[in-house]
Amino acid sequence: MAAQSPPNQPPGPDVSIVGSRCLGPLIPIQTICLVLLALRLYTRARPVMHLAWDDAAVAVASMASVTQFAIFIAAVPYGVGRHSFYINPEDASQARRLLYFSQLPSGWSVALGKISIALLLLRLKTGRGWRIFLYAMVAVQLATAVHANAMQLAMCRPTSAGWRLAAMAGHCWPVSVLHATIYAHGSVAACTDLVFALIPLTFLGSVRRSVRERLVIALLMGLGVFAAAAVVIKLTLVHTYGAMGDMLWDSVDLNTWSILEGHLGIVAACLPCLKSPFQAALRRMGLLSDASRDWENCSAASPGLQLYATPQTPCSRTGSEIPRCPDSKV
């Protein structure tokens, strides 16, 4: 979509809303994402190396998220977050250009976060039907990310028409086509977020834990619900973006929710793998009982996932009162 001409009358005072609406909430969340990713990779690499493809996927998702956020921040000095009426044409064009390219890694941040969850579940769900379903979900995420990039790059000819003023631009697709594409991608993203959030319900019933502990586990693995909510909020902003020719002002809320969607997906992918530190923290808060330790040594799941595994054989106690299981390596 070619940029619309700025309004002829000042729509409001010359102030910036980036700090209060975007940087304020997003910088702490971005920091949390990086800390969680570092903890995940550390716990998967120490004391024995257990890094797998799901770890690589979430690491690349984090890189894409950081790239999107960095490009967005780079656009702020050129007028993003201010009314276009007050921005000189050269700066406004550069700001729109940076906003255009900040969207390219957005789809990959979201897709790879969910691919990481699917690959993690493939190590828990070994049935043929589940494996087909999860591989199909991976394929859907890849197809959505590729299609989003292809549509963005193809929507204008030349490509620079995507950030130049409409009067100076070349040929771009109708706005209705672009909106329909965004809504379609958003619907797929929200639906898959909900699917991944609800998958734990298929096996939590067989986990031998208290109701309170099951709720905690469901919360840790079901954070994708919040990513779905971010998608819905983002979609409500699409039809007003640039409608009054004030794209630099309108871009703040839209990009904030777009970046937040990727952040929440990364958090949802990382938390279930942080078994040990989160179990310790949850016990200190009284959300996990000390008795749950008796079952942790009975896990047959991969390292980092023991919190969610179902014991296959009852534990027995040795003379030293340390719980043991026949299949446990502990």
Protein backbone atom coordinates (compact mmCIF):
# COMPACT_ATOMS: atom_id res chain seq x y z
CA MET A 1 0.00 0.00 0.00
CA ALA A 2 1.48 3.29 -1.03
CA ALA A 3 1.76 5.93 1.64
CA GLN A 4 -1.10 8.42 1.84
CA SER A 5 -0.50 12.16 1.83
CA PRO A 6 -0.34 13.69 5.33
CA PRO A 7 -3.35 15.72 6.56
CA ASN A 8 -3.54 19.39 5.60
CA GLN A 9 -4.51 20.50 9.11
CA PRO A 10 -2.62 19.68 12.32
CA PRO A 11 -4.42 16.68 13.89
CA GLY A 12 -2.98 17.42 17.32
CA PRO A 13 0.08 18.73 19.16
CA ASP A 14 3.56 17.78 17.99
CA VAL A 15 4.25 15.08 20.59
CA SER A 16 5.60 11.53 20.40
CA ILE A 17 3.69 8.54 21.77
CA VAL A 18 6.45 5.99 21.19
CA GLY A 19 7.81 6.06 24.73
CA SER A 20 4.52 5.59 26.57
CA ARG A 21 2.76 3.21 24.17
CA CYS A 22 5.63 1.18 22.73
CA LEU A 23 9.09 1.38 24.25
CA GLY A 24 7.86 1.46 27.84
CA PRO A 25 6.08 -1.91 27.72
CA LEU A 26 8.14 -3.61 24.99
CA ILE A 27 11.68 -3.09 26.29
CA PRO A 28 11.01 -4.99 29.56
CA ILE A 29 9.21 -7.78 27.67
CA GLN A 30 12.03 -8.02 25.13
CA THR A 31 14.48 -8.29 28.03
CA ILE A 32 12.39 -11.05 29.62
CA CYS A 33 12.37 -12.95 26.30
CA LEU A 34 16.15 -12.81 26.02
CA VAL A 35 16.61 -13.88 29.65
CA LEU A 36 14.21 -16.81 29.23
CA LEU A 37 15.93 -17.85 26.00
CA ALA A 38 19.34 -17.72 27.69
CA LEU A 39 18.04 -19.80 30.62
CA ARG A 40 16.47 -22.30 28.26
CA LEU A 41 19.65 -22.77 26.23
CA TYR A 42 21.73 -22.97 29.42
CA THR A 43 19.55 -25.62 31.04
CA ARG A 44 19.48 -27.60 27.81
CA ALA A 45 23.25 -27.43 27.39
CA ARG A 46 24.33 -28.07 30.99
CA PRO A 47 25.45 -30.36 32.50
CA VAL A 48 24.87 -32.55 29.43
CA MET A 49 24.30 -31.16 25.94
CA HIS A 50 20.66 -31.73 24.98
CA LEU A 51 20.12 -28.94 22.44
CA ALA A 52 17.68 -29.91 19.70
CA TRP A 53 15.85 -28.42 16.73
CA ASP A 54 13.17 -26.86 18.92
CA ASP A 55 15.90 -24.89 20.72
CA ALA A 56 17.32 -23.70 17.40
CA ALA A 57 13.86 -22.65 16.19
CA VAL A 58 13.12 -20.49 19.24
CA ALA A 59 16.62 -18.97 19.10
CA VAL A 60 16.07 -17.89 15.48
CA ALA A 61 12.58 -16.65 16.42
CA SER A 62 14.19 -14.47 19.07
CA MET A 63 16.70 -13.12 16.55
CA ALA A 64 13.85 -12.21 14.19
CA SER A 65 11.96 -10.53 17.03
CA VAL A 66 15.01 -8.49 18.06
CA THR A 67 15.58 -7.50 14.41
CA GLN A 68 11.98 -6.32 14.01
CA PHE A 69 12.13 -4.31 17.22
CA ALA A 70 15.53 -2.79 16.35
CA ILE A 71 14.37 -1.63 12.91
CA PHE A 72 11.25 -0.12 14.45
CA ILE A 73 13.34 1.77 17.01
CA ALA A 74 15.61 2.99 14.20
CA ALA A 75 12.55 4.59 12.59
CA VAL A 76 11.67 6.63 15.68
CA PRO A 77 14.17 9.49 15.05
CA TYR A 78 12.59 9.96 11.61
CA GLY A 79 9.15 10.67 13.04
CA VAL A 80 7.44 7.41 13.96
CA GLY A 81 5.05 8.16 16.81
CA ARG A 82 4.52 11.77 15.76
CA HIS A 83 1.83 13.26 13.54
CA SER A 84 2.89 13.18 9.89
CA PHE A 85 1.84 16.83 9.53
CA TYR A 86 4.97 17.91 11.44
CA ILE A 87 7.50 15.64 9.65
CA ASN A 88 9.43 16.80 6.60
CA PRO A 89 8.90 14.59 3.51
CA GLU A 90 12.42 13.14 3.47
CA ASP A 91 12.27 11.98 7.10
CA ALA A 92 8.73 10.69 6.66
CA SER A 93 9.77 8.62 3.64
CA GLN A 94 12.71 7.12 5.56
CA ALA A 95 10.45 6.32 8.53
CA ARG A 96 7.95 4.53 6.28
CA ARG A 97 10.79 2.66 4.60
CA LEU A 98 12.07 1.34 7.92
CA LEU A 99 8.56 0.41 9.03
CA TYR A 100 8.13 -1.51 5.77
CA PHE A 101 11.26 -3.59 6.33
CA SER A 102 10.53 -4.12 10.02
CA GLN A 103 7.57 -6.25 9.01
CA LEU A 104 9.62 -8.79 7.07
CA PRO A 105 11.02 -10.62 10.14
CA SER A 106 7.71 -10.33 12.01
CA GLY A 107 6.12 -13.39 10.41
CA TRP A 108 9.21 -15.50 11.10
CA SER A 109 9.32 -14.51 14.75
CA VAL A 110 5.75 -15.69 15.20
CA ALA A 111 6.06 -18.81 13.04
CA LEU A 112 9.34 -20.10 14.48
CA GLY A 113 8.11 -19.66 18.05
CA LYS A 114 5.20 -21.99 17.32
CA ILE A 115 7.39 -24.35 15.31
CA SER A 116 9.60 -24.66 18.40
CA ILE A 117 6.56 -25.70 20.45
CA ALA A 118 5.52 -28.23 17.79
CA LEU A 119 9.01 -29.75 17.67
CA LEU A 120 9.06 -29.96 21.46
CA LEU A 121 5.69 -31.73 21.48
CA LEU A 122 6.99 -34.19 18.87
CA ARG A 123 9.29 -35.50 21.61
CA LEU A 124 6.28 -36.08 23.87
CA LYS A 125 3.60 -37.14 21.43
CA THR A 126 4.88 -40.28 19.71
CA GLY A 127 1.62 -41.53 18.19
CA ARG A 128 1.41 -41.53 14.41
CA GLY A 129 -1.68 -39.30 14.35
CA TRP A 130 -0.06 -36.74 16.61
CA ARG A 131 3.13 -36.70 14.58
CA ILE A 132 1.21 -36.09 11.34
CA PHE A 133 -0.77 -33.31 13.01
CA LEU A 134 2.29 -31.59 14.48
CA TYR A 135 4.29 -31.80 11.24
CA ALA A 136 1.26 -30.31 9.47
CA MET A 137 1.28 -27.44 11.98
CA VAL A 138 4.96 -26.85 11.22
CA ALA A 139 4.16 -26.77 7.50
CA VAL A 140 1.33 -24.28 8.08
CA GLN A 141 3.64 -21.94 10.00
CA LEU A 142 6.33 -22.07 7.31
CA ALA A 143 3.79 -21.50 4.54
CA THR A 144 2.23 -18.55 6.39
CA ALA A 145 5.59 -16.83 6.98
CA VAL A 146 6.73 -17.32 3.38
CA HIS A 147 3.39 -16.12 2.01
CA ALA A 148 3.41 -13.03 4.24
CA ASN A 149 6.85 -12.01 2.97
CA ALA A 150 5.95 -12.76 -0.64
CA MET A 151 2.75 -10.70 -0.45
CA GLN A 152 4.52 -7.75 1.14
CA LEU A 153 7.30 -7.71 -1.45
CA ALA A 154 4.88 -8.16 -4.35
CA MET A 155 2.20 -5.65 -3.31
CA CYS A 156 3.84 -2.66 -5.06
CA ARG A 157 5.83 -2.15 -8.22
CA PRO A 158 8.41 -0.81 -7.77
CA THR A 159 8.88 -2.01 -4.19
CA SER A 160 9.70 1.55 -3.08
CA ALA A 161 6.07 2.47 -3.79
CA GLY A 162 5.32 0.76 -0.48
CA TRP A 163 6.75 3.70 1.43
CA ARG A 164 6.58 6.59 -1.03
CA LEU A 165 3.65 9.01 -1.31
CA ALA A 166 0.78 7.74 -3.43
CA ALA A 167 1.15 10.60 -5.93
CA MET A 168 4.80 9.65 -6.53
CA ALA A 169 4.48 5.88 -6.28
CA GLY A 170 4.02 3.24 -8.90
CA HIS A 171 1.31 0.60 -8.93
CA CYS A 172 0.10 -1.04 -5.70
CA TRP A 173 -2.64 -3.54 -4.97
CA PRO A 174 -5.96 -2.23 -3.66
CA VAL A 175 -6.12 -1.68 0.08
CA SER A 176 -8.97 -4.19 0.34
CA VAL A 177 -6.70 -6.98 -0.95
CA LEU A 178 -3.99 -6.13 1.56
CA HIS A 179 -6.45 -6.00 4.43
CA ALA A 180 -7.94 -9.35 3.43
CA THR A 181 -4.45 -10.87 3.38
CA ILE A 182 -3.60 -9.47 6.82
CA TYR A 183 -6.88 -10.74 8.26
CA ALA A 184 -6.28 -14.19 6.77
CA HIS A 185 -2.77 -14.41 8.21
CA GLY A 186 -3.99 -13.11 11.56
CA SER A 187 -6.80 -15.66 11.69
CA VAL A 188 -4.35 -18.49 11.04
CA ALA A 189 -1.99 -17.14 13.70
CA ALA A 190 -4.72 -16.79 16.34
CA CYS A 191 -6.17 -20.24 15.63
CA THR A 192 -2.79 -21.97 15.81
CA ASP A 193 -1.94 -20.09 19.01
CA LEU A 194 -5.12 -21.44 20.59
CA VAL A 195 -4.46 -24.96 19.30
CA PHE A 196 -0.98 -25.06 20.84
CA ALA A 197 -2.33 -23.58 24.08
CA LEU A 198 -5.02 -26.27 24.34
CA ILE A 199 -2.84 -29.27 23.46
CA PRO A 200 -1.72 -29.74 27.14
CA LEU A 201 -5.35 -30.56 27.99
CA THR A 202 -4.95 -33.79 26.02
CA PHE A 203 -2.49 -35.25 28.51
CA LEU A 204 -2.82 -33.29 31.77
CA GLY A 205 -5.63 -35.60 32.86
CA SER A 206 -3.17 -38.48 33.11
CA VAL A 207 -0.49 -36.53 35.01
CA ARG A 208 -0.42 -37.64 38.65
CA ARG A 209 -0.42 -34.21 40.25
CA SER A 210 -2.80 -32.13 42.33
CA VAL A 211 -5.38 -29.91 40.66
CA ARG A 212 -3.38 -26.83 41.64
CA GLU A 213 -0.21 -28.21 40.06
CA ARG A 214 -2.07 -29.14 36.88
CA LEU A 215 -3.39 -25.61 36.63
CA VAL A 216 0.14 -24.23 36.96
CA ILE A 217 1.37 -26.61 34.27
CA ALA A 218 -1.52 -25.67 31.98
CA LEU A 219 -0.72 -21.97 32.51
CA LEU A 220 2.96 -22.45 31.65
CA MET A 221 2.17 -24.39 28.49
CA GLY A 222 -0.91 -22.37 27.54
CA LEU A 223 0.59 -18.89 27.30
CA GLY A 224 -0.19 -18.96 23.58
CA VAL A 225 -3.66 -17.71 24.54
CA PHE A 226 -2.11 -14.31 25.26
CA ALA A 227 -0.38 -14.32 21.86
CA ALA A 228 -3.77 -15.03 20.26
CA ALA A 229 -5.24 -12.08 22.15
CA ALA A 230 -2.44 -9.85 20.82
CA VAL A 231 -3.29 -10.96 17.28
CA VAL A 232 -6.96 -10.10 17.72
CA ILE A 233 -6.15 -6.64 19.08
CA LYS A 234 -3.71 -6.06 16.23
CA LEU A 235 -6.35 -6.99 13.66
CA THR A 236 -8.78 -4.44 15.09
CA LEU A 237 -6.25 -1.70 14.25
CA VAL A 238 -5.62 -2.68 10.62
CA HIS A 239 -8.61 -0.92 9.04
CA THR A 240 -7.72 2.44 10.63
CA TYR A 241 -4.00 2.34 9.80
CA GLY A 242 -3.20 5.30 7.57
CA ALA A 243 -6.87 5.98 6.84
CA MET A 244 -6.45 9.68 7.65
CA GLY A 245 -2.98 9.96 6.13
CA ASP A 246 -1.30 9.85 9.55
CA MET A 247 0.64 6.61 9.11
CA LEU A 248 3.56 7.47 11.38
CA TRP A 249 1.22 8.11 14.30
CA ASP A 250 -1.01 5.09 13.56
CA SER A 251 1.97 2.78 13.18
CA VAL A 252 2.84 2.82 16.89
CA ASP A 253 -0.09 0.81 18.24
CA LEU A 254 -0.13 -1.57 15.28
CA ASN A 255 3.58 -2.32 15.50
CA THR A 256 3.49 -2.57 19.29
CA TRP A 257 0.96 -5.42 19.14
CA SER A 258 2.77 -7.01 16.22
CA ILE A 259 6.05 -7.10 18.16
CA LEU A 260 4.27 -8.20 21.33
CA GLU A 261 2.74 -11.13 19.46
CA GLY A 262 6.20 -12.45 18.67
CA HIS A 263 7.44 -11.84 22.21
CA LEU A 264 4.57 -13.74 23.79
CA GLY A 265 5.12 -16.65 21.41
CA ILE A 266 8.77 -16.87 22.46
CA VAL A 267 7.82 -16.77 26.14
CA ALA A 268 5.28 -19.54 25.55
CA ALA A 269 7.96 -21.62 23.82
CA CYS A 270 10.60 -21.12 26.53
CA LEU A 271 8.75 -21.45 29.83
CA PRO A 272 7.80 -25.15 29.58
CA CYS A 273 11.48 -26.05 29.13
CA LEU A 274 12.65 -24.24 32.27
CA LYS A 275 11.74 -27.09 34.58
CA SER A 276 14.23 -26.77 37.41
CA PRO A 277 14.30 -22.99 38.04
CA PHE A 278 10.54 -22.64 37.73
CA GLN A 279 9.82 -25.63 39.96
CA ALA A 280 12.01 -24.08 42.65
CA ALA A 281 10.30 -20.71 42.27
CA LEU A 282 6.82 -22.24 42.25
CA ARG A 283 7.58 -24.24 45.39
CA ARG A 284 8.71 -21.10 47.17
CA MET A 285 5.39 -19.52 46.23
CA GLY A 286 3.53 -22.62 47.44
CA LEU A 287 2.16 -23.48 43.99
CA LEU A 288 3.96 -26.83 43.82
CA SER A 289 4.07 -29.25 46.71
CA ASP A 290 7.23 -30.85 48.05
CA ALA A 291 5.60 -34.21 47.46
CA SER A 292 5.85 -33.63 43.73
CA ARG A 293 9.55 -34.35 44.02
CA ASP A 294 8.65 -38.01 44.46
CA TRP A 295 7.36 -38.07 40.89
CA GLU A 296 10.07 -36.03 39.24
CA ASN A 297 12.50 -38.93 39.33
CA CYS A 298 9.95 -41.17 37.59
CA SER A 299 9.92 -39.13 34.41
CA ALA A 300 10.59 -40.75 31.10
CA ALA A 301 10.43 -37.54 29.09
CA SER A 302 13.35 -35.73 27.59
CA PRO A 303 15.50 -33.48 29.81
CA GLY A 304 13.76 -30.25 30.68
CA LEU A 305 10.28 -31.76 30.28
CA GLN A 306 10.05 -33.96 33.36
CA LEU A 307 7.54 -31.67 35.00
CA TYR A 308 4.92 -32.72 32.47
CA ALA A 309 5.58 -36.41 32.10
CA THR A 310 3.37 -39.12 33.51
CA PRO A 311 5.14 -41.73 35.67
CA GLN A 312 4.93 -45.11 34.04
CA THR A 313 5.94 -47.14 37.10
CA PRO A 314 5.24 -46.39 40.78
CA CYS A 315 8.17 -45.12 42.79
CA SER A 316 9.74 -47.11 45.51
CA ARG A 317 11.89 -45.84 48.36
CA THR A 318 15.31 -47.07 49.25
CA GLY A 319 16.71 -47.21 52.73
CA SER A 320 18.03 -43.68 52.31
CA GLU A 321 14.47 -42.44 51.60
CA ILE A 322 15.45 -41.23 48.13
CA PRO A 323 12.63 -41.98 45.68
CA ARG A 324 13.69 -44.30 42.87
CA CYS A 325 12.02 -45.63 39.75
CA PRO A 326 13.02 -48.64 37.69
CA ASP A 327 13.30 -46.55 34.50
CA SER A 328 14.86 -43.51 36.11
CA LYS A 329 18.46 -42.54 35.58
CA VAL A 330 18.47 -40.54 38.81
